[in-house]
Amino acid sequence: MRAILILFLSALPALAEPEEDIGVLNPEEMTIARILDDVARGETSMMHCAAGYGITKKGDHDHARDVFEACARDGWTGAMTWIAQLDDNGLGAPDEDPARAANWDRMAAEAGDPVGQFNYGLDLMRGRGVAQDQAAGRALVDRAAAAGLPVAQRLQAAGYDLDEVTPDADDWKYEKRLY
């Protein structure tokens, strides 16, 4: 009899009404998986966008691109400059895309981002991804320098000598090409 009572009592929870779904009780925090899930749900924040840097540094350029593109859509200008870097180097994409990179730099520059201004200024001065325009490029570098960007100030002090801010290992990339 006692065994039957124990069996009956142990079956009671199965017969009870199902509990209300209360969500994930112990969600992942501070993980790449969590960041990617949040971004896929349309959530972006400074922390999500900054995590894209770590994701790309670990070599996961496809996921970094997902994070940066979501952040850029939400107006995070730093993400725009990172997408430009990915596009300029063909990371997370089939090939380099200097025109797309320059477009992201332009959007960041137009939004007032000093790094975007500097980068788009370099694009214009080199003619990489856009038509070459030394005067417009220098004007953007000047705006970035006035905003306090040290690398822009260094380029100004060097008389706009691009070798000051570009490693010679990248010389092949900046050869005159038609885009």
C-alpha atoms as a PDB file:
ATOM      1  CA  MET A   1       0.000   0.000   0.000  1.00  0.00           C
ATOM      2  CA  ARG A   2       2.804   2.350   0.877  1.00  0.00           C
ATOM      3  CA  ALA A   3       4.465   1.714  -2.509  1.00  0.00           C
ATOM      4  CA  ILE A   4       1.206   2.540  -4.316  1.00  0.00           C
ATOM      5  CA  LEU A   5       0.884   5.796  -2.357  1.00  0.00           C
ATOM      6  CA  ILE A   6       4.467   6.787  -3.236  1.00  0.00           C
ATOM      7  CA  LEU A   7       3.858   6.046  -6.919  1.00  0.00           C
ATOM      8  CA  PHE A   8       0.629   8.039  -6.847  1.00  0.00           C
ATOM      9  CA  LEU A   9       2.250  11.025  -5.149  1.00  0.00           C
ATOM     10  CA  SER A  10       5.243  10.994  -7.500  1.00  0.00           C
ATOM     11  CA  ALA A  11       2.863  11.145 -10.486  1.00  0.00           C
ATOM     12  CA  LEU A  12       1.044  14.229  -9.199  1.00  0.00           C
ATOM     13  CA  PRO A  13       3.458  16.787 -10.709  1.00  0.00           C
ATOM     14  CA  ALA A  14       2.911  15.219 -14.151  1.00  0.00           C
ATOM     15  CA  LEU A  15      -0.826  15.556 -13.726  1.00  0.00           C
ATOM     16  CA  ALA A  16      -0.658  19.183 -12.630  1.00  0.00           C
ATOM     17  CA  GLU A  17      -1.176  22.135 -14.961  1.00  0.00           C
ATOM     18  CA  PRO A  18       1.954  23.007 -16.966  1.00  0.00           C
ATOM     19  CA  GLU A  19       3.938  25.916 -15.533  1.00  0.00           C
ATOM     20  CA  GLU A  20       3.888  29.233 -17.331  1.00  0.00           C
ATOM     21  CA  ASP A  21       6.903  29.814 -19.596  1.00  0.00           C
ATOM     22  CA  ILE A  22       9.036  32.241 -17.611  1.00  0.00           C
ATOM     23  CA  GLY A  23      11.860  32.473 -20.123  1.00  0.00           C
ATOM     24  CA  VAL A  24      15.493  31.540 -19.760  1.00  0.00           C
ATOM     25  CA  LEU A  25      16.349  31.358 -16.082  1.00  0.00           C
ATOM     26  CA  ASN A  26      20.118  31.479 -16.440  1.00  0.00           C
ATOM     27  CA  PRO A  27      20.969  33.259 -19.713  1.00  0.00           C
ATOM     28  CA  GLU A  28      24.464  33.439 -21.088  1.00  0.00           C
ATOM     29  CA  GLU A  29      26.139  36.726 -20.359  1.00  0.00           C
ATOM     30  CA  MET A  30      29.243  38.280 -21.863  1.00  0.00           C
ATOM     31  CA  THR A  31      29.566  35.613 -24.554  1.00  0.00           C
ATOM     32  CA  ILE A  32      29.799  35.916 -28.297  1.00  0.00           C
ATOM     33  CA  ALA A  33      26.733  33.680 -28.626  1.00  0.00           C
ATOM     34  CA  ARG A  34      24.732  36.094 -26.462  1.00  0.00           C
ATOM     35  CA  ILE A  35      25.903  39.100 -28.457  1.00  0.00           C
ATOM     36  CA  LEU A  36      24.985  37.423 -31.749  1.00  0.00           C
ATOM     37  CA  ASP A  37      21.564  36.440 -30.376  1.00  0.00           C
ATOM     38  CA  ASP A  38      20.914  39.990 -29.158  1.00  0.00           C
ATOM     39  CA  VAL A  39      21.967  41.500 -32.475  1.00  0.00           C
ATOM     40  CA  ALA A  40      19.814  38.999 -34.391  1.00  0.00           C
ATOM     41  CA  ARG A  41      16.857  40.236 -32.286  1.00  0.00           C
ATOM     42  CA  GLY A  42      17.695  43.811 -33.289  1.00  0.00           C
ATOM     43  CA  GLU A  43      19.348  44.860 -30.029  1.00  0.00           C
ATOM     44  CA  THR A  44      22.447  47.013 -30.319  1.00  0.00           C
ATOM     45  CA  SER A  45      24.332  48.985 -27.719  1.00  0.00           C
ATOM     46  CA  MET A  46      27.806  50.364 -27.294  1.00  0.00           C
ATOM     47  CA  MET A  47      28.790  47.054 -25.669  1.00  0.00           C
ATOM     48  CA  HIS A  48      27.380  44.962 -28.517  1.00  0.00           C
ATOM     49  CA  CYS A  49      29.149  47.111 -31.095  1.00  0.00           C
ATOM     50  CA  ALA A  50      32.442  47.096 -29.199  1.00  0.00           C
ATOM     51  CA  ALA A  51      32.273  43.307 -28.995  1.00  0.00           C
ATOM     52  CA  GLY A  52      32.413  43.210 -32.785  1.00  0.00           C
ATOM     53  CA  TYR A  53      36.058  44.262 -32.463  1.00  0.00           C
ATOM     54  CA  GLY A  54      36.902  41.197 -30.384  1.00  0.00           C
ATOM     55  CA  ILE A  55      34.930  38.974 -32.715  1.00  0.00           C
ATOM     56  CA  THR A  56      36.866  40.176 -35.763  1.00  0.00           C
ATOM     57  CA  LYS A  57      40.190  40.003 -33.900  1.00  0.00           C
ATOM     58  CA  LYS A  58      39.537  36.324 -33.231  1.00  0.00           C
ATOM     59  CA  GLY A  59      39.146  35.885 -36.984  1.00  0.00           C
ATOM     60  CA  ASP A  60      35.373  35.441 -37.086  1.00  0.00           C
ATOM     61  CA  HIS A  61      34.839  38.142 -39.701  1.00  0.00           C
ATOM     62  CA  ASP A  62      31.420  36.901 -40.850  1.00  0.00           C
ATOM     63  CA  HIS A  63      29.919  37.292 -37.374  1.00  0.00           C
ATOM     64  CA  ALA A  64      31.802  40.551 -36.807  1.00  0.00           C
ATOM     65  CA  ARG A  65      30.259  41.875 -40.010  1.00  0.00           C
ATOM     66  CA  ASP A  66      26.787  40.877 -38.739  1.00  0.00           C
ATOM     67  CA  VAL A  67      27.379  42.814 -35.518  1.00  0.00           C
ATOM     68  CA  PHE A  68      28.896  45.858 -37.216  1.00  0.00           C
ATOM     69  CA  GLU A  69      26.176  46.060 -39.877  1.00  0.00           C
ATOM     70  CA  ALA A  70      23.420  45.953 -37.249  1.00  0.00           C
ATOM     71  CA  CYS A  71      25.222  48.604 -35.225  1.00  0.00           C
ATOM     72  CA  ALA A  72      25.824  50.780 -38.297  1.00  0.00           C
ATOM     73  CA  ARG A  73      22.107  50.595 -39.183  1.00  0.00           C
ATOM     74  CA  ASP A  74      21.418  51.935 -35.699  1.00  0.00           C
ATOM     75  CA  GLY A  75      23.835  54.841 -36.214  1.00  0.00           C
ATOM     76  CA  TRP A  76      26.952  53.658 -34.381  1.00  0.00           C
ATOM     77  CA  THR A  77      29.641  55.372 -36.456  1.00  0.00           C
ATOM     78  CA  GLY A  78      32.506  53.304 -35.038  1.00  0.00           C
ATOM     79  CA  ALA A  79      30.841  50.238 -36.532  1.00  0.00           C
ATOM     80  CA  MET A  80      30.783  51.989 -39.913  1.00  0.00           C
ATOM     81  CA  THR A  81      34.546  52.466 -39.818  1.00  0.00           C
ATOM     82  CA  TRP A  82      35.019  48.809 -38.871  1.00  0.00           C
ATOM     83  CA  ILE A  83      32.880  47.594 -41.772  1.00  0.00           C
ATOM     84  CA  ALA A  84      35.016  49.808 -44.008  1.00  0.00           C
ATOM     85  CA  GLN A  85      38.124  48.091 -42.654  1.00  0.00           C
ATOM     86  CA  LEU A  86      36.606  44.662 -43.322  1.00  0.00           C
ATOM     87  CA  ASP A  87      35.588  45.659 -46.858  1.00  0.00           C
ATOM     88  CA  ASP A  88      38.921  47.309 -47.620  1.00  0.00           C
ATOM     89  CA  ASN A  89      40.719  44.093 -46.697  1.00  0.00           C
ATOM     90  CA  GLY A  90      38.204  41.533 -48.004  1.00  0.00           C
ATOM     91  CA  LEU A  91      37.509  40.112 -44.534  1.00  0.00           C
ATOM     92  CA  GLY A  92      34.240  38.219 -44.228  1.00  0.00           C
ATOM     93  CA  ALA A  93      33.667  38.805 -47.936  1.00  0.00           C
ATOM     94  CA  PRO A  94      34.816  37.116 -51.140  1.00  0.00           C
ATOM     95  CA  ASP A  95      37.170  39.964 -52.055  1.00  0.00           C
ATOM     96  CA  GLU A  96      38.274  43.503 -51.221  1.00  0.00           C
ATOM     97  CA  ASP A  97      35.693  46.153 -52.014  1.00  0.00           C
ATOM     98  CA  PRO A  98      37.367  49.589 -51.845  1.00  0.00           C
ATOM     99  CA  ALA A  99      34.268  51.390 -53.157  1.00  0.00           C
ATOM    100  CA  ARG A 100      32.059  49.877 -50.459  1.00  0.00           C
ATOM    101  CA  ALA A 101      34.735  50.631 -47.850  1.00  0.00           C
ATOM    102  CA  ALA A 102      34.944  54.253 -48.964  1.00  0.00           C
ATOM    103  CA  ASN A 103      31.151  54.507 -48.818  1.00  0.00           C
ATOM    104  CA  TRP A 104      31.131  53.343 -45.174  1.00  0.00           C
ATOM    105  CA  ASP A 105      33.932  55.818 -44.394  1.00  0.00           C
ATOM    106  CA  ARG A 106      31.901  58.569 -46.076  1.00  0.00           C
ATOM    107  CA  MET A 107      28.805  57.757 -44.028  1.00  0.00           C
ATOM    108  CA  ALA A 108      30.812  57.871 -40.788  1.00  0.00           C
ATOM    109  CA  ALA A 109      32.439  61.151 -41.868  1.00  0.00           C
ATOM    110  CA  GLU A 110      29.086  62.704 -42.724  1.00  0.00           C
ATOM    111  CA  ALA A 111      27.774  61.630 -39.314  1.00  0.00           C
ATOM    112  CA  GLY A 112      30.620  63.642 -37.734  1.00  0.00           C
ATOM    113  CA  ASP A 113      32.889  60.785 -36.680  1.00  0.00           C
ATOM    114  CA  PRO A 114      36.544  61.993 -36.629  1.00  0.00           C
ATOM    115  CA  VAL A 115      37.875  58.526 -37.534  1.00  0.00           C
ATOM    116  CA  GLY A 116      35.419  58.395 -40.432  1.00  0.00           C
ATOM    117  CA  GLN A 117      36.533  61.881 -41.513  1.00  0.00           C
ATOM    118  CA  PHE A 118      40.173  60.840 -41.368  1.00  0.00           C
ATOM    119  CA  ASN A 119      39.620  57.559 -43.197  1.00  0.00           C
ATOM    120  CA  TYR A 120      37.446  59.100 -45.900  1.00  0.00           C
ATOM    121  CA  GLY A 121      40.021  61.872 -46.233  1.00  0.00           C
ATOM    122  CA  LEU A 122      42.654  59.195 -46.885  1.00  0.00           C
ATOM    123  CA  ASP A 123      40.353  57.472 -49.387  1.00  0.00           C
ATOM    124  CA  LEU A 124      39.970  60.751 -51.278  1.00  0.00           C
ATOM    125  CA  MET A 125      43.670  61.601 -51.144  1.00  0.00           C
ATOM    126  CA  ARG A 126      44.617  58.153 -52.454  1.00  0.00           C
ATOM    127  CA  GLY A 127      41.705  57.772 -54.849  1.00  0.00           C
ATOM    128  CA  ARG A 128      40.940  54.378 -53.310  1.00  0.00           C
ATOM    129  CA  GLY A 129      37.330  53.408 -53.908  1.00  0.00           C
ATOM    130  CA  VAL A 130      36.452  56.983 -54.933  1.00  0.00           C
ATOM    131  CA  ALA A 131      37.705  59.558 -57.403  1.00  0.00           C
ATOM    132  CA  GLN A 132      40.900  61.144 -56.153  1.00  0.00           C
ATOM    133  CA  ASP A 133      40.417  64.610 -54.666  1.00  0.00           C
ATOM    134  CA  GLN A 134      43.430  65.839 -52.699  1.00  0.00           C
ATOM    135  CA  ALA A 135      41.805  69.084 -51.555  1.00  0.00           C
ATOM    136  CA  ALA A 136      38.638  67.436 -50.235  1.00  0.00           C
ATOM    137  CA  GLY A 137      40.713  64.717 -48.583  1.00  0.00           C
ATOM    138  CA  ARG A 138      42.937  67.226 -46.798  1.00  0.00           C
ATOM    139  CA  ALA A 139      39.880  69.200 -45.676  1.00  0.00           C
ATOM    140  CA  LEU A 140      38.476  66.075 -44.009  1.00  0.00           C
ATOM    141  CA  VAL A 141      41.818  65.272 -42.382  1.00  0.00           C
ATOM    142  CA  ASP A 142      41.842  68.858 -41.092  1.00  0.00           C
ATOM    143  CA  ARG A 143      38.358  68.391 -39.583  1.00  0.00           C
ATOM    144  CA  ALA A 144      39.477  65.190 -37.871  1.00  0.00           C
ATOM    145  CA  ALA A 145      42.608  66.930 -36.576  1.00  0.00           C
ATOM    146  CA  ALA A 146      40.530  69.856 -35.271  1.00  0.00           C
ATOM    147  CA  ALA A 147      38.367  67.308 -33.437  1.00  0.00           C
ATOM    148  CA  GLY A 148      41.530  66.105 -31.683  1.00  0.00           C
ATOM    149  CA  LEU A 149      42.298  62.887 -33.569  1.00  0.00           C
ATOM    150  CA  PRO A 150      46.051  62.375 -32.990  1.00  0.00           C
ATOM    151  CA  VAL A 151      46.739  60.455 -36.221  1.00  0.00           C
ATOM    152  CA  ALA A 152      45.124  63.262 -38.232  1.00  0.00           C
ATOM    153  CA  GLN A 153      47.260  65.815 -36.405  1.00  0.00           C
ATOM    154  CA  ARG A 154      50.328  63.690 -37.158  1.00  0.00           C
ATOM    155  CA  LEU A 155      49.440  63.587 -40.863  1.00  0.00           C
ATOM    156  CA  GLN A 156      49.013  67.377 -40.919  1.00  0.00           C
ATOM    157  CA  ALA A 157      52.391  67.846 -39.209  1.00  0.00           C
ATOM    158  CA  ALA A 158      53.975  65.599 -41.864  1.00  0.00           C
ATOM    159  CA  GLY A 159      52.659  67.842 -44.651  1.00  0.00           C
ATOM    160  CA  TYR A 160      50.014  65.238 -45.615  1.00  0.00           C
ATOM    161  CA  ASP A 161      52.701  62.691 -46.521  1.00  0.00           C
ATOM    162  CA  LEU A 162      50.647  59.488 -46.560  1.00  0.00           C
ATOM    163  CA  ASP A 163      53.713  57.401 -45.749  1.00  0.00           C
ATOM    164  CA  GLU A 164      53.465  58.907 -42.248  1.00  0.00           C
ATOM    165  CA  VAL A 165      50.284  56.955 -41.517  1.00  0.00           C
ATOM    166  CA  THR A 166      50.496  53.996 -43.888  1.00  0.00           C
ATOM    167  CA  PRO A 167      52.868  51.066 -43.438  1.00  0.00           C
ATOM    168  CA  ASP A 168      55.002  50.455 -46.505  1.00  0.00           C
ATOM    169  CA  ALA A 169      53.708  46.884 -46.469  1.00  0.00           C
ATOM    170  CA  ASP A 170      50.435  48.315 -47.792  1.00  0.00           C
ATOM    171  CA  ASP A 171      51.996  50.195 -50.726  1.00  0.00           C
ATOM    172  CA  TRP A 172      50.697  47.577 -53.196  1.00  0.00           C
ATOM    173  CA  LYS A 173      47.150  48.317 -52.062  1.00  0.00           C
ATOM    174  CA  TYR A 174      47.354  52.016 -52.857  1.00  0.00           C
ATOM    175  CA  GLU A 175      48.783  51.769 -56.350  1.00  0.00           C
ATOM    176  CA  LYS A 176      46.764  53.796 -58.777  1.00  0.00           C
ATOM    177  CA  ARG A 177      43.829  51.663 -59.946  1.00  0.00           C
ATOM    178  CA  LEU A 178      40.527  52.427 -61.569  1.00  0.00           C
ATOM    179  CA  TYR A 179      37.488  51.634 -59.433  1.00  0.00           C
END
